[in-house]
Amino acid sequence: MVKAACMRGGLLMKVELVQDEQLNDIYVLVRYPQKTETLQRLVTNLRSDAQRLSGMDGQKLCVVPTAQVLYIESVDKRCFAYTDTSVLRLGMPLYEAKARLETCDFVRIARACLVNFNRIASIEPEFNGRLIITLDNAEKLIVSRQYAGIIRKKLDM
């Protein structure tokens, strides 16, 4: 058994991990005094870690957890998911990927691009109202002016 505690959103969050070899799946129970935005983010992160995307990497079908996806981009009516190590061609359009990832922390940054908000390392403003996002793998993406407000709101900028 492992126990830990930390402050989250003004509340003390206690985490207790208990190994049970009789279980086949991971079981998560969250007890809370009231629903808060912090709680909602925690649940979203738990759900996104359990969710997976499948796509073609060359001739093979690959399945990756959404947490590993850096961003999803539509190019020439084809949708691609980019991870640290591969590029997967998804069998769905971008709007369908966005709908599937509703519970995950993906945000639209351009008409043809969704980014995994949890993989953003830094954000820099540009003089023309756009933003430059640096992902945790050092790749840079441009947030169009149309979607920059959504990013600023999400960060309380």
N, C-alpha and C. Protein backbone atom coordinates (compact mmCIF):
# COMPACT_ATOMS: atom_id res chain seq x y z
N MET A 1 0.84 -1.17 0.00
CA MET A 1 0.00 0.00 0.00
C MET A 1 0.90 1.24 0.00
N VAL A 2 0.51 2.22 -0.81
CA VAL A 2 1.25 3.48 -0.90
C VAL A 2 0.27 4.60 -0.58
N LYS A 3 0.67 5.54 0.27
CA LYS A 3 -0.17 6.68 0.61
C LYS A 3 0.59 7.96 0.32
N ALA A 4 -0.15 8.97 -0.16
CA ALA A 4 0.45 10.28 -0.44
C ALA A 4 -0.63 11.34 -0.28
N ALA A 5 -0.22 12.59 -0.09
CA ALA A 5 -1.17 13.70 0.02
C ALA A 5 -0.57 14.92 -0.64
N CYS A 6 -1.42 15.72 -1.28
CA CYS A 6 -0.98 16.97 -1.90
C CYS A 6 -2.15 17.94 -1.98
N MET A 7 -1.84 19.22 -2.13
CA MET A 7 -2.88 20.24 -2.26
C MET A 7 -3.28 20.36 -3.72
N ARG A 8 -4.59 20.38 -4.00
CA ARG A 8 -5.12 20.54 -5.34
C ARG A 8 -6.31 21.49 -5.26
N GLY A 9 -6.18 22.64 -5.88
CA GLY A 9 -7.30 23.57 -5.95
C GLY A 9 -7.82 23.99 -4.59
N GLY A 10 -6.93 24.13 -3.61
CA GLY A 10 -7.34 24.56 -2.28
C GLY A 10 -7.78 23.41 -1.39
N LEU A 11 -7.89 22.21 -1.92
CA LEU A 11 -8.30 21.05 -1.13
C LEU A 11 -7.12 20.10 -0.99
N LEU A 12 -7.07 19.41 0.13
CA LEU A 12 -6.06 18.39 0.33
C LEU A 12 -6.52 17.13 -0.39
N MET A 13 -5.69 16.61 -1.28
CA MET A 13 -6.04 15.39 -2.01
C MET A 13 -5.18 14.26 -1.48
N LYS A 14 -5.82 13.23 -0.98
CA LYS A 14 -5.12 12.07 -0.46
C LYS A 14 -5.23 10.95 -1.49
N VAL A 15 -4.11 10.32 -1.76
CA VAL A 15 -4.06 9.23 -2.74
C VAL A 15 -3.60 7.97 -2.02
N GLU A 16 -4.34 6.91 -2.22
CA GLU A 16 -3.99 5.64 -1.60
C GLU A 16 -3.98 4.57 -2.70
N LEU A 17 -2.86 3.90 -2.87
CA LEU A 17 -2.74 2.84 -3.87
C LEU A 17 -2.69 1.50 -3.15
N VAL A 18 -3.57 0.59 -3.55
CA VAL A 18 -3.64 -0.72 -2.92
C VAL A 18 -3.54 -1.78 -4.01
N GLN A 19 -2.54 -2.63 -3.92
CA GLN A 19 -2.39 -3.71 -4.90
C GLN A 19 -3.29 -4.87 -4.50
N ASP A 20 -4.10 -5.35 -5.46
CA ASP A 20 -4.98 -6.49 -5.26
C ASP A 20 -4.79 -7.43 -6.45
N GLU A 21 -4.06 -8.50 -6.25
CA GLU A 21 -3.73 -9.41 -7.35
C GLU A 21 -4.93 -10.18 -7.86
N GLN A 22 -6.06 -10.13 -7.16
CA GLN A 22 -7.27 -10.81 -7.61
C GLN A 22 -8.01 -10.01 -8.68
N LEU A 23 -7.68 -8.73 -8.82
CA LEU A 23 -8.34 -7.88 -9.81
C LEU A 23 -7.72 -8.08 -11.19
N ASN A 24 -8.54 -7.96 -12.22
CA ASN A 24 -8.06 -8.01 -13.60
C ASN A 24 -7.88 -6.62 -14.18
N ASP A 25 -8.61 -5.64 -13.67
CA ASP A 25 -8.57 -4.27 -14.16
C ASP A 25 -8.23 -3.32 -13.03
N ILE A 26 -7.85 -2.11 -13.41
CA ILE A 26 -7.60 -1.06 -12.42
C ILE A 26 -8.95 -0.47 -12.01
N TYR A 27 -9.16 -0.29 -10.73
CA TYR A 27 -10.41 0.22 -10.18
C TYR A 27 -10.10 1.54 -9.48
N VAL A 28 -10.76 2.61 -9.87
CA VAL A 28 -10.52 3.93 -9.28
C VAL A 28 -11.81 4.41 -8.62
N LEU A 29 -11.73 4.78 -7.36
CA LEU A 29 -12.85 5.35 -6.62
C LEU A 29 -12.42 6.73 -6.15
N VAL A 30 -13.19 7.75 -6.47
CA VAL A 30 -12.86 9.12 -6.07
C VAL A 30 -13.93 9.60 -5.09
N ARG A 31 -13.51 9.96 -3.90
CA ARG A 31 -14.42 10.54 -2.90
C ARG A 31 -14.13 12.02 -2.81
N TYR A 32 -15.18 12.84 -2.79
CA TYR A 32 -14.99 14.29 -2.80
C TYR A 32 -16.09 14.99 -2.02
N PRO A 33 -15.77 16.15 -1.41
CA PRO A 33 -16.76 16.90 -0.64
C PRO A 33 -17.74 17.67 -1.53
N GLN A 34 -17.25 18.18 -2.66
CA GLN A 34 -18.10 18.89 -3.62
C GLN A 34 -17.43 18.85 -4.98
N LYS A 35 -18.25 18.99 -6.03
CA LYS A 35 -17.70 19.00 -7.38
C LYS A 35 -17.01 20.33 -7.63
N THR A 36 -15.77 20.25 -8.10
CA THR A 36 -15.00 21.45 -8.41
C THR A 36 -14.38 21.27 -9.79
N GLU A 37 -13.81 22.35 -10.30
CA GLU A 37 -13.12 22.29 -11.59
C GLU A 37 -11.90 21.37 -11.49
N THR A 38 -11.24 21.39 -10.36
CA THR A 38 -10.08 20.53 -10.14
C THR A 38 -10.48 19.06 -10.20
N LEU A 39 -11.60 18.73 -9.58
CA LEU A 39 -12.11 17.36 -9.62
C LEU A 39 -12.44 16.96 -11.05
N GLN A 40 -13.08 17.86 -11.78
CA GLN A 40 -13.45 17.58 -13.17
C GLN A 40 -12.20 17.32 -14.02
N ARG A 41 -11.14 18.11 -13.81
CA ARG A 41 -9.88 17.89 -14.55
C ARG A 41 -9.26 16.53 -14.20
N LEU A 42 -9.32 16.17 -12.92
CA LEU A 42 -8.79 14.88 -12.48
C LEU A 42 -9.53 13.74 -13.16
N VAL A 43 -10.84 13.81 -13.19
CA VAL A 43 -11.65 12.77 -13.84
C VAL A 43 -11.37 12.73 -15.34
N THR A 44 -11.24 13.91 -15.95
CA THR A 44 -10.92 13.98 -17.38
C THR A 44 -9.59 13.31 -17.66
N ASN A 45 -8.59 13.58 -16.83
CA ASN A 45 -7.27 12.97 -17.01
C ASN A 45 -7.32 11.45 -16.84
N LEU A 46 -8.10 10.98 -15.87
CA LEU A 46 -8.24 9.54 -15.68
C LEU A 46 -8.89 8.90 -16.90
N ARG A 47 -9.93 9.53 -17.41
CA ARG A 47 -10.63 8.99 -18.58
C ARG A 47 -9.76 9.03 -19.83
N SER A 48 -9.02 10.12 -20.00
CA SER A 48 -8.20 10.23 -21.21
C SER A 48 -7.08 9.20 -21.21
N ASP A 49 -6.58 8.84 -20.05
CA ASP A 49 -5.52 7.84 -19.98
C ASP A 49 -6.04 6.47 -20.38
N ALA A 50 -7.33 6.23 -20.13
CA ALA A 50 -7.92 4.94 -20.47
C ALA A 50 -8.34 4.88 -21.94
N GLN A 51 -8.47 6.02 -22.59
CA GLN A 51 -8.94 6.06 -23.96
C GLN A 51 -7.78 5.84 -24.93
N ARG A 52 -8.07 5.24 -26.05
CA ARG A 52 -7.04 4.92 -27.04
C ARG A 52 -7.48 5.35 -28.43
N LEU A 53 -6.50 5.60 -29.28
CA LEU A 53 -6.75 5.89 -30.69
C LEU A 53 -6.06 4.82 -31.51
N SER A 54 -6.68 4.45 -32.61
CA SER A 54 -6.04 3.49 -33.50
C SER A 54 -5.85 4.12 -34.87
N GLY A 55 -4.76 3.76 -35.51
CA GLY A 55 -4.46 4.29 -36.83
C GLY A 55 -3.38 3.47 -37.50
N MET A 56 -3.18 3.74 -38.75
CA MET A 56 -2.21 3.00 -39.55
C MET A 56 -0.84 3.68 -39.50
N ASP A 57 0.18 2.89 -39.21
CA ASP A 57 1.57 3.33 -39.29
C ASP A 57 2.20 2.48 -40.39
N GLY A 58 2.19 3.02 -41.59
CA GLY A 58 2.62 2.23 -42.75
C GLY A 58 1.58 1.18 -43.05
N GLN A 59 1.97 -0.09 -42.96
CA GLN A 59 1.05 -1.20 -43.25
C GLN A 59 0.48 -1.84 -41.99
N LYS A 60 0.86 -1.34 -40.81
CA LYS A 60 0.37 -1.98 -39.58
C LYS A 60 -0.57 -1.06 -38.82
N LEU A 61 -1.56 -1.68 -38.19
CA LEU A 61 -2.51 -0.96 -37.35
C LEU A 61 -1.92 -0.83 -35.96
N CYS A 62 -1.86 0.39 -35.44
CA CYS A 62 -1.32 0.65 -34.10
C CYS A 62 -2.40 1.26 -33.22
N VAL A 63 -2.36 0.92 -31.95
CA VAL A 63 -3.27 1.48 -30.96
C VAL A 63 -2.42 2.19 -29.91
N VAL A 64 -2.71 3.47 -29.67
CA VAL A 64 -1.93 4.24 -28.69
C VAL A 64 -2.87 4.93 -27.70
N PRO A 65 -2.47 5.04 -26.45
CA PRO A 65 -3.25 5.83 -25.49
C PRO A 65 -3.28 7.30 -25.92
N THR A 66 -4.40 7.97 -25.72
CA THR A 66 -4.51 9.37 -26.14
C THR A 66 -3.49 10.24 -25.41
N ALA A 67 -3.06 9.83 -24.23
CA ALA A 67 -2.07 10.61 -23.48
C ALA A 67 -0.74 10.69 -24.22
N GLN A 68 -0.46 9.73 -25.11
CA GLN A 68 0.78 9.74 -25.88
C GLN A 68 0.70 10.61 -27.13
N VAL A 69 -0.51 10.99 -27.51
CA VAL A 69 -0.69 11.79 -28.73
C VAL A 69 -0.33 13.24 -28.45
N LEU A 70 0.55 13.81 -29.26
CA LEU A 70 0.94 15.22 -29.15
C LEU A 70 -0.13 16.11 -29.76
N TYR A 71 -0.47 15.82 -31.02
CA TYR A 71 -1.51 16.59 -31.70
C TYR A 71 -2.09 15.78 -32.85
N ILE A 72 -3.23 16.24 -33.34
CA ILE A 72 -3.91 15.61 -34.46
C ILE A 72 -4.12 16.67 -35.51
N GLU A 73 -3.79 16.33 -36.75
CA GLU A 73 -3.84 17.32 -37.82
C GLU A 73 -4.52 16.72 -39.05
N SER A 74 -5.29 17.55 -39.73
CA SER A 74 -5.92 17.16 -40.99
C SER A 74 -5.12 17.76 -42.14
N VAL A 75 -4.67 16.89 -43.06
CA VAL A 75 -3.89 17.32 -44.22
C VAL A 75 -4.49 16.64 -45.45
N ASP A 76 -4.92 17.44 -46.43
CA ASP A 76 -5.50 16.89 -47.66
C ASP A 76 -6.62 15.89 -47.38
N LYS A 77 -7.53 16.25 -46.49
CA LYS A 77 -8.69 15.44 -46.12
C LYS A 77 -8.33 14.12 -45.45
N ARG A 78 -7.11 14.01 -44.96
CA ARG A 78 -6.69 12.85 -44.18
C ARG A 78 -6.28 13.33 -42.80
N CYS A 79 -6.56 12.52 -41.80
CA CYS A 79 -6.32 12.90 -40.42
C CYS A 79 -5.15 12.09 -39.86
N PHE A 80 -4.19 12.78 -39.23
CA PHE A 80 -3.00 12.13 -38.69
C PHE A 80 -2.84 12.46 -37.21
N ALA A 81 -2.45 11.45 -36.42
CA ALA A 81 -2.14 11.64 -35.00
C ALA A 81 -0.63 11.50 -34.84
N TYR A 82 -0.01 12.50 -34.21
CA TYR A 82 1.44 12.53 -34.03
C TYR A 82 1.79 12.18 -32.59
N THR A 83 2.68 11.20 -32.42
CA THR A 83 3.19 10.85 -31.10
C THR A 83 4.69 11.16 -31.09
N ASP A 84 5.36 10.85 -30.00
CA ASP A 84 6.81 11.07 -29.92
C ASP A 84 7.56 10.22 -30.94
N THR A 85 7.02 9.06 -31.26
CA THR A 85 7.78 8.11 -32.09
C THR A 85 7.14 7.77 -33.43
N SER A 86 5.89 8.17 -33.65
CA SER A 86 5.24 7.76 -34.90
C SER A 86 4.17 8.75 -35.35
N VAL A 87 3.75 8.56 -36.59
CA VAL A 87 2.64 9.31 -37.16
C VAL A 87 1.62 8.28 -37.61
N LEU A 88 0.41 8.36 -37.07
CA LEU A 88 -0.65 7.41 -37.40
C LEU A 88 -1.68 8.07 -38.30
N ARG A 89 -2.07 7.39 -39.37
CA ARG A 89 -3.15 7.88 -40.22
C ARG A 89 -4.44 7.33 -39.64
N LEU A 90 -5.29 8.25 -39.15
CA LEU A 90 -6.54 7.85 -38.53
C LEU A 90 -7.59 7.58 -39.61
N GLY A 91 -8.51 6.72 -39.31
CA GLY A 91 -9.57 6.40 -40.25
C GLY A 91 -10.82 7.21 -40.01
N MET A 92 -10.65 8.45 -39.61
CA MET A 92 -11.80 9.33 -39.33
C MET A 92 -11.40 10.77 -39.63
N PRO A 93 -12.39 11.61 -39.94
CA PRO A 93 -12.08 13.03 -40.15
C PRO A 93 -11.80 13.73 -38.81
N LEU A 94 -11.26 14.94 -38.88
CA LEU A 94 -10.88 15.68 -37.68
C LEU A 94 -12.07 15.94 -36.76
N TYR A 95 -13.23 16.30 -37.33
CA TYR A 95 -14.39 16.59 -36.48
C TYR A 95 -14.82 15.36 -35.68
N GLU A 96 -14.65 14.18 -36.26
CA GLU A 96 -15.00 12.95 -35.55
C GLU A 96 -13.98 12.66 -34.45
N ALA A 97 -12.71 12.92 -34.73
CA ALA A 97 -11.66 12.75 -33.71
C ALA A 97 -11.92 13.70 -32.54
N LYS A 98 -12.31 14.94 -32.85
CA LYS A 98 -12.60 15.91 -31.79
C LYS A 98 -13.77 15.43 -30.93
N ALA A 99 -14.80 14.90 -31.56
CA ALA A 99 -15.96 14.39 -30.82
C ALA A 99 -15.57 13.19 -29.95
N ARG A 100 -14.73 12.31 -30.46
CA ARG A 100 -14.29 11.15 -29.68
C ARG A 100 -13.43 11.54 -28.50
N LEU A 101 -12.68 12.64 -28.66
CA LEU A 101 -11.76 13.08 -27.61
C LEU A 101 -12.37 14.14 -26.71
N GLU A 102 -13.69 14.25 -26.72
CA GLU A 102 -14.40 15.27 -25.93
C GLU A 102 -14.01 15.22 -24.45
N THR A 103 -13.85 14.01 -23.90
CA THR A 103 -13.52 13.89 -22.47
C THR A 103 -12.03 14.03 -22.20
N CYS A 104 -11.23 14.03 -23.25
CA CYS A 104 -9.78 14.21 -23.10
C CYS A 104 -9.46 15.70 -23.19
N ASP A 105 -8.23 16.04 -22.94
CA ASP A 105 -7.84 17.44 -22.89
C ASP A 105 -7.26 17.91 -24.23
N PHE A 106 -7.97 17.66 -25.33
CA PHE A 106 -7.55 18.13 -26.64
C PHE A 106 -8.27 19.43 -26.96
N VAL A 107 -7.53 20.39 -27.50
CA VAL A 107 -8.06 21.72 -27.80
C VAL A 107 -7.75 22.06 -29.24
N ARG A 108 -8.71 22.66 -29.93
CA ARG A 108 -8.48 23.10 -31.30
C ARG A 108 -7.62 24.35 -31.28
N ILE A 109 -6.54 24.34 -32.08
CA ILE A 109 -5.65 25.51 -32.16
C ILE A 109 -5.65 26.12 -33.55
N ALA A 110 -6.24 25.41 -34.49
CA ALA A 110 -6.37 25.89 -35.87
C ALA A 110 -7.51 25.11 -36.51
N ARG A 111 -7.96 25.57 -37.66
CA ARG A 111 -9.07 24.90 -38.33
C ARG A 111 -8.79 23.42 -38.54
N ALA A 112 -7.54 23.06 -38.77
CA ALA A 112 -7.18 21.68 -39.10
C ALA A 112 -6.28 21.02 -38.06
N CYS A 113 -6.30 21.51 -36.80
CA CYS A 113 -5.36 20.95 -35.81
C CYS A 113 -5.93 20.97 -34.40
N LEU A 114 -5.79 19.83 -33.71
CA LEU A 114 -6.12 19.70 -32.29
C LEU A 114 -4.82 19.39 -31.55
N VAL A 115 -4.64 19.96 -30.37
CA VAL A 115 -3.42 19.68 -29.60
C VAL A 115 -3.81 19.08 -28.25
N ASN A 116 -2.98 18.16 -27.76
CA ASN A 116 -3.16 17.58 -26.44
C ASN A 116 -2.66 18.61 -25.42
N PHE A 117 -3.58 19.22 -24.70
CA PHE A 117 -3.25 20.31 -23.78
C PHE A 117 -2.24 19.86 -22.71
N ASN A 118 -2.27 18.59 -22.36
CA ASN A 118 -1.36 18.08 -21.34
C ASN A 118 0.08 17.92 -21.84
N ARG A 119 0.29 18.05 -23.14
CA ARG A 119 1.63 17.90 -23.71
C ARG A 119 2.27 19.26 -24.02
N ILE A 120 1.60 20.36 -23.66
CA ILE A 120 2.15 21.69 -23.90
C ILE A 120 3.18 22.03 -22.83
N ALA A 121 4.39 22.41 -23.26
CA ALA A 121 5.45 22.79 -22.32
C ALA A 121 5.46 24.29 -22.09
N SER A 122 5.23 25.09 -23.16
CA SER A 122 5.23 26.55 -23.01
C SER A 122 4.40 27.19 -24.12
N ILE A 123 4.02 28.44 -23.87
CA ILE A 123 3.23 29.22 -24.83
C ILE A 123 3.82 30.62 -24.90
N GLU A 124 4.07 31.09 -26.13
CA GLU A 124 4.60 32.44 -26.34
C GLU A 124 3.62 33.23 -27.20
N PRO A 125 3.32 34.48 -26.81
CA PRO A 125 2.48 35.31 -27.67
C PRO A 125 3.29 35.87 -28.84
N GLU A 126 2.63 36.06 -29.97
CA GLU A 126 3.23 36.72 -31.13
C GLU A 126 2.59 38.09 -31.28
N PHE A 127 3.24 38.98 -32.00
CA PHE A 127 2.75 40.36 -32.14
C PHE A 127 1.42 40.45 -32.87
N ASN A 128 1.06 39.48 -33.68
CA ASN A 128 -0.16 39.56 -34.48
C ASN A 128 -1.36 38.87 -33.85
N GLY A 129 -1.28 38.54 -32.57
CA GLY A 129 -2.41 37.93 -31.88
C GLY A 129 -2.37 36.41 -31.84
N ARG A 130 -1.44 35.83 -32.60
CA ARG A 130 -1.31 34.38 -32.57
C ARG A 130 -0.46 33.97 -31.37
N LEU A 131 -0.44 32.68 -31.09
CA LEU A 131 0.39 32.12 -30.04
C LEU A 131 1.28 31.05 -30.65
N ILE A 132 2.45 30.85 -30.05
CA ILE A 132 3.31 29.74 -30.44
C ILE A 132 3.37 28.77 -29.25
N ILE A 133 2.96 27.54 -29.51
CA ILE A 133 2.97 26.50 -28.49
C ILE A 133 4.22 25.64 -28.70
N THR A 134 4.94 25.39 -27.61
CA THR A 134 6.04 24.43 -27.66
C THR A 134 5.58 23.21 -26.88
N LEU A 135 5.61 22.06 -27.55
CA LEU A 135 5.20 20.81 -26.91
C LEU A 135 6.34 20.24 -26.09
N ASP A 136 6.06 19.24 -25.29
CA ASP A 136 7.10 18.69 -24.42
C ASP A 136 8.19 17.92 -25.17
N ASN A 137 8.01 17.74 -26.49
CA ASN A 137 9.08 17.14 -27.30
C ASN A 137 9.84 18.22 -28.09
N ALA A 138 9.61 19.49 -27.75
CA ALA A 138 10.26 20.68 -28.34
C ALA A 138 9.69 21.07 -29.70
N GLU A 139 8.67 20.37 -30.18
CA GLU A 139 8.03 20.76 -31.44
C GLU A 139 7.17 22.00 -31.21
N LYS A 140 7.15 22.89 -32.20
CA LYS A 140 6.39 24.14 -32.09
C LYS A 140 5.19 24.11 -33.03
N LEU A 141 4.05 24.61 -32.52
CA LEU A 141 2.83 24.73 -33.31
C LEU A 141 2.31 26.15 -33.17
N ILE A 142 1.65 26.64 -34.21
CA ILE A 142 1.09 27.99 -34.18
C ILE A 142 -0.41 27.90 -33.89
N VAL A 143 -0.85 28.70 -32.92
CA VAL A 143 -2.27 28.82 -32.60
C VAL A 143 -2.80 30.01 -33.39
N SER A 144 -3.80 29.79 -34.21
CA SER A 144 -4.35 30.89 -35.00
C SER A 144 -5.07 31.89 -34.09
N ARG A 145 -5.21 33.12 -34.58
CA ARG A 145 -5.88 34.16 -33.78
C ARG A 145 -7.29 33.73 -33.39
N GLN A 146 -7.96 33.01 -34.28
CA GLN A 146 -9.33 32.58 -34.04
C GLN A 146 -9.43 31.69 -32.80
N TYR A 147 -8.41 30.88 -32.53
CA TYR A 147 -8.44 29.94 -31.41
C TYR A 147 -7.55 30.36 -30.24
N ALA A 148 -6.80 31.43 -30.37
CA ALA A 148 -5.91 31.88 -29.30
C ALA A 148 -6.69 32.24 -28.04
N GLY A 149 -7.88 32.80 -28.20
CA GLY A 149 -8.70 33.16 -27.05
C GLY A 149 -9.09 31.96 -26.22
N ILE A 150 -9.34 30.83 -26.87
CA ILE A 150 -9.69 29.61 -26.15
C ILE A 150 -8.53 29.15 -25.28
N ILE A 151 -7.32 29.22 -25.83
CA ILE A 151 -6.12 28.82 -25.08
C ILE A 151 -5.91 29.77 -23.91
N ARG A 152 -6.03 31.08 -24.17
CA ARG A 152 -5.85 32.06 -23.09
C ARG A 152 -6.86 31.84 -21.97
N LYS A 153 -8.11 31.56 -22.34
CA LYS A 153 -9.16 31.34 -21.34
C LYS A 153 -8.85 30.08 -20.53
N LYS A 154 -8.40 29.05 -21.19
CA LYS A 154 -8.08 27.80 -20.50
C LYS A 154 -6.93 27.98 -19.51
N LEU A 155 -6.02 28.91 -19.82
CA LEU A 155 -4.88 29.19 -18.95
C LEU A 155 -5.12 30.36 -18.01
N ASP A 156 -6.29 30.98 -18.10
CA ASP A 156 -6.60 32.19 -17.32
C ASP A 156 -5.59 33.29 -17.58
N MET A 157 -5.19 33.47 -18.86
CA MET A 157 -4.21 34.51 -19.25
C MET A 157 -4.91 35.84 -19.43
